[in-house]
């Protein structure tokens, strides 16, 4: 799959975090002068989850106000990935759609931003007795986001566990909307 490599995405995340001295997605938006606002896009499974747009050099991330709080941080991190990596207008209806190179890149960006340094995560994973699903729940993120971070860690050479399944576009359906995506809703 062509696109931006895991290594380049890691560099972009590290550069962004280093420059603004935060890894909080909402705070990064403020620091980068990206307007962050809620919008009412509906609550069906096919409703728009979020969008990033730039008009006259003013960037804005709008996210669907009907999404549960537990996934809002991920949504903003994902859209921030589009803003940093792609710098063009973007509407998201399916975050875990591996058919789209830009969606995969935004997911990798969000995973790197939200999980942080791989060495620390690796040590925690080694010492965890639970499943990857339980580990994701501890971090209050969807399992699928952990799967993207594991992909980054494999690229870095870490000996990480095999995934029970690979994320696909069906993930975004009911699980995000009912807040049970990370067993903490």
Protein backbone atom coordinates (compact mmCIF):
# COMPACT_ATOMS: atom_id res chain seq x y z
CA UNK A 1 0.00 0.00 0.00
CA UNK A 2 1.56 3.30 -1.07
CA UNK A 3 1.40 6.40 1.07
CA UNK A 4 3.24 7.82 4.04
CA UNK A 5 5.37 5.23 5.87
CA UNK A 6 4.96 4.40 9.57
CA UNK A 7 8.39 5.90 10.13
CA UNK A 8 7.42 9.22 8.54
CA UNK A 9 4.16 9.35 10.50
CA UNK A 10 6.08 8.72 13.74
CA UNK A 11 8.44 11.58 12.87
CA UNK A 12 5.53 13.94 12.15
CA UNK A 13 3.84 13.07 15.46
CA UNK A 14 7.07 13.50 17.43
CA UNK A 15 7.82 16.81 15.72
CA UNK A 16 4.30 18.08 16.44
CA UNK A 17 4.38 16.97 20.11
CA UNK A 18 7.88 18.40 20.58
CA UNK A 19 7.00 21.73 18.99
CA UNK A 20 3.80 22.28 20.99
CA UNK A 21 4.85 20.39 24.15
CA UNK A 22 1.61 18.43 24.42
CA UNK A 23 0.12 15.23 23.06
CA UNK A 24 -3.46 16.17 23.92
CA UNK A 25 -5.38 16.37 20.62
CA UNK A 26 -7.67 19.25 21.68
CA UNK A 27 -4.75 21.25 23.07
CA UNK A 28 -2.77 20.63 19.86
CA UNK A 29 -5.69 22.02 17.86
CA UNK A 30 -5.61 25.18 19.98
CA UNK A 31 -1.83 25.51 19.63
CA UNK A 32 -2.02 24.99 15.86
CA UNK A 33 -4.90 27.47 15.45
CA UNK A 34 -7.25 24.74 14.27
CA UNK A 35 -10.82 25.58 15.23
CA UNK A 36 -12.48 22.68 17.02
CA UNK A 37 -16.26 22.53 17.17
CA UNK A 38 -19.21 20.20 17.56
CA UNK A 39 -21.76 19.74 14.81
CA UNK A 40 -25.02 17.84 14.55
CA UNK A 41 -24.45 15.27 11.81
CA UNK A 42 -27.07 12.82 13.09
CA UNK A 43 -26.74 9.56 14.97
CA UNK A 44 -27.18 6.84 12.37
CA UNK A 45 -24.35 4.42 11.62
CA UNK A 46 -23.84 6.15 8.26
CA UNK A 47 -23.75 9.68 9.70
CA UNK A 48 -20.63 11.77 9.28
CA UNK A 49 -18.37 11.26 12.28
CA UNK A 50 -16.12 14.27 11.72
CA UNK A 51 -14.63 16.47 9.04
CA UNK A 52 -11.58 18.61 8.55
CA UNK A 53 -11.71 21.64 6.31
CA UNK A 54 -9.48 24.55 5.47
CA UNK A 55 -10.89 27.72 3.96
CA UNK A 56 -8.67 30.75 3.33
CA UNK A 57 -5.91 29.16 5.43
CA UNK A 58 -8.23 28.71 8.41
CA UNK A 59 -8.52 25.07 9.47
CA UNK A 60 -11.49 23.63 11.31
CA UNK A 61 -12.26 20.18 12.71
CA UNK A 62 -15.95 19.52 13.24
CA UNK A 63 -16.95 16.38 15.09
CA UNK A 64 -20.37 14.86 15.51
CA UNK A 65 -21.83 15.90 18.86
CA UNK A 66 -23.79 12.64 19.09
CA UNK A 67 -20.65 10.55 19.51
CA UNK A 68 -19.98 9.30 23.04
CA UNK A 69 -17.38 11.18 25.09
CA UNK A 70 -15.23 8.06 25.31
CA UNK A 71 -14.33 8.22 21.60
CA UNK A 72 -14.16 12.00 21.13
CA UNK A 73 -10.42 12.18 21.92
CA UNK A 74 -9.70 9.53 19.28
CA UNK A 75 -11.89 11.30 16.73
CA UNK A 76 -10.06 14.59 17.24
CA UNK A 77 -6.66 12.85 17.06
CA UNK A 78 -7.70 11.14 13.82
CA UNK A 79 -8.85 14.41 12.24
CA UNK A 80 -5.69 16.12 13.46
CA UNK A 81 -3.84 13.42 11.53
CA UNK A 82 -5.63 14.52 8.37
CA UNK A 83 -4.83 18.17 9.12
CA UNK A 84 -1.12 17.47 9.67
CA UNK A 85 -0.58 14.79 7.02
CA UNK A 86 -2.98 15.69 4.24
CA UNK A 87 -3.76 19.41 4.54
CA UNK A 88 -6.96 19.29 2.54
CA UNK A 89 -10.67 19.10 3.22
CA UNK A 90 -11.73 15.71 4.47
CA UNK A 91 -15.02 14.13 5.56
CA UNK A 92 -14.94 10.94 7.62
CA UNK A 93 -17.72 8.41 7.57
CA UNK A 94 -15.55 5.37 8.33
CA UNK A 95 -12.34 5.65 10.34
CA UNK A 96 -11.25 2.05 10.06
CA UNK A 97 -11.56 1.73 6.29
CA UNK A 98 -8.27 0.17 5.18
CA UNK A 99 -9.21 0.65 1.54
CA UNK A 100 -8.40 4.35 1.91
CA UNK A 101 -4.70 5.15 2.27
CA UNK A 102 -5.47 8.50 3.90
CA UNK A 103 -7.72 6.86 6.51
CA UNK A 104 -5.01 4.34 7.37
CA UNK A 105 -2.46 7.15 7.72
CA UNK A 106 -4.78 9.20 9.96
CA UNK A 107 -5.38 6.10 12.12
CA UNK A 108 -1.63 5.52 12.44
CA UNK A 109 -1.16 9.19 13.37
CA UNK A 110 -3.90 8.98 16.03
CA UNK A 111 -2.45 5.74 17.43
CA UNK A 112 1.05 7.19 17.69
CA UNK A 113 -0.25 10.41 19.25
CA UNK A 114 -2.54 8.77 21.82
CA UNK A 115 -0.32 5.86 22.86
CA UNK A 116 2.94 7.77 22.85
CA UNK A 117 6.38 6.23 23.15
CA UNK A 118 6.53 2.62 21.95
CA UNK A 119 9.15 1.52 24.51
CA UNK A 120 6.89 2.46 27.44
CA UNK A 121 3.86 0.80 25.87
CA UNK A 122 5.89 -2.31 25.07
CA UNK A 123 6.96 -2.69 28.70
CA UNK A 124 3.36 -2.31 29.88
CA UNK A 125 2.17 -4.86 27.33
CA UNK A 126 4.86 -7.36 28.38
CA UNK A 127 3.81 -7.06 32.01
CA UNK A 128 0.07 -7.19 31.32
CA UNK A 129 -1.72 -10.45 32.01
CA UNK A 130 -4.87 -9.51 30.11
CA UNK A 131 -5.80 -9.74 26.46
CA UNK A 132 -5.19 -6.99 23.91
CA UNK A 133 -8.88 -6.12 24.25
CA UNK A 134 -8.48 -5.62 28.01
CA UNK A 135 -5.30 -3.64 27.44
CA UNK A 136 -7.13 -1.31 25.03
CA UNK A 137 -9.94 -0.91 27.59
CA UNK A 138 -7.38 0.17 30.22
CA UNK A 139 -6.32 2.96 27.85
CA UNK A 140 -9.98 3.76 27.06
CA UNK A 141 -9.42 3.38 23.33
CA UNK A 142 -10.92 1.06 20.73
CA UNK A 143 -9.04 -2.22 20.23
CA UNK A 144 -8.64 -1.19 16.59
CA UNK A 145 -6.55 1.83 17.60
CA UNK A 146 -4.26 -0.46 19.60
CA UNK A 147 -3.97 -2.62 16.48
CA UNK A 148 -2.66 0.39 14.53
CA UNK A 149 -0.13 1.16 17.30
CA UNK A 150 0.99 -2.48 17.21
CA UNK A 151 1.54 -2.07 13.45
CA UNK A 152 3.80 0.92 14.20
CA UNK A 153 5.64 -1.05 16.89
CA UNK A 154 6.23 -3.95 14.47
CA UNK A 155 7.66 -1.44 12.00
CA UNK A 156 10.01 -0.26 14.78
CA UNK A 157 11.17 -3.85 15.35
CA UNK A 158 9.31 -4.68 18.57
CA UNK A 159 8.29 -8.29 19.17
CA UNK A 160 4.60 -7.66 19.77
CA UNK A 161 1.72 -10.15 19.96
CA UNK A 162 -0.16 -11.21 16.87
CA UNK A 163 -3.54 -9.57 16.52
CA UNK A 164 -6.68 -11.67 16.99
CA UNK A 165 -8.08 -9.85 13.94
CA UNK A 166 -7.19 -6.90 11.76
CA UNK A 167 -9.40 -3.79 11.86
CA UNK A 168 -11.80 -3.31 8.99
CA UNK A 169 -14.45 -0.81 7.99
CA UNK A 170 -17.21 -2.64 9.89
CA UNK A 171 -15.76 -1.55 13.24
CA UNK A 172 -17.23 1.92 13.03
CA UNK A 173 -20.82 0.71 13.00
CA UNK A 174 -22.72 0.35 16.25
CA UNK A 175 -19.75 0.03 18.57
CA UNK A 176 -18.70 3.68 18.36
CA UNK A 177 -22.23 4.91 18.64
CA UNK A 178 -23.12 2.97 21.76
CA UNK A 179 -19.88 3.88 23.57
CA UNK A 180 -18.92 0.24 24.08
CA UNK A 181 -16.00 0.31 21.66
CA UNK A 182 -13.49 0.09 24.47
CA UNK A 183 -15.52 -1.74 27.11
CA UNK A 184 -15.69 1.39 29.20
CA UNK A 185 -18.83 3.11 27.94
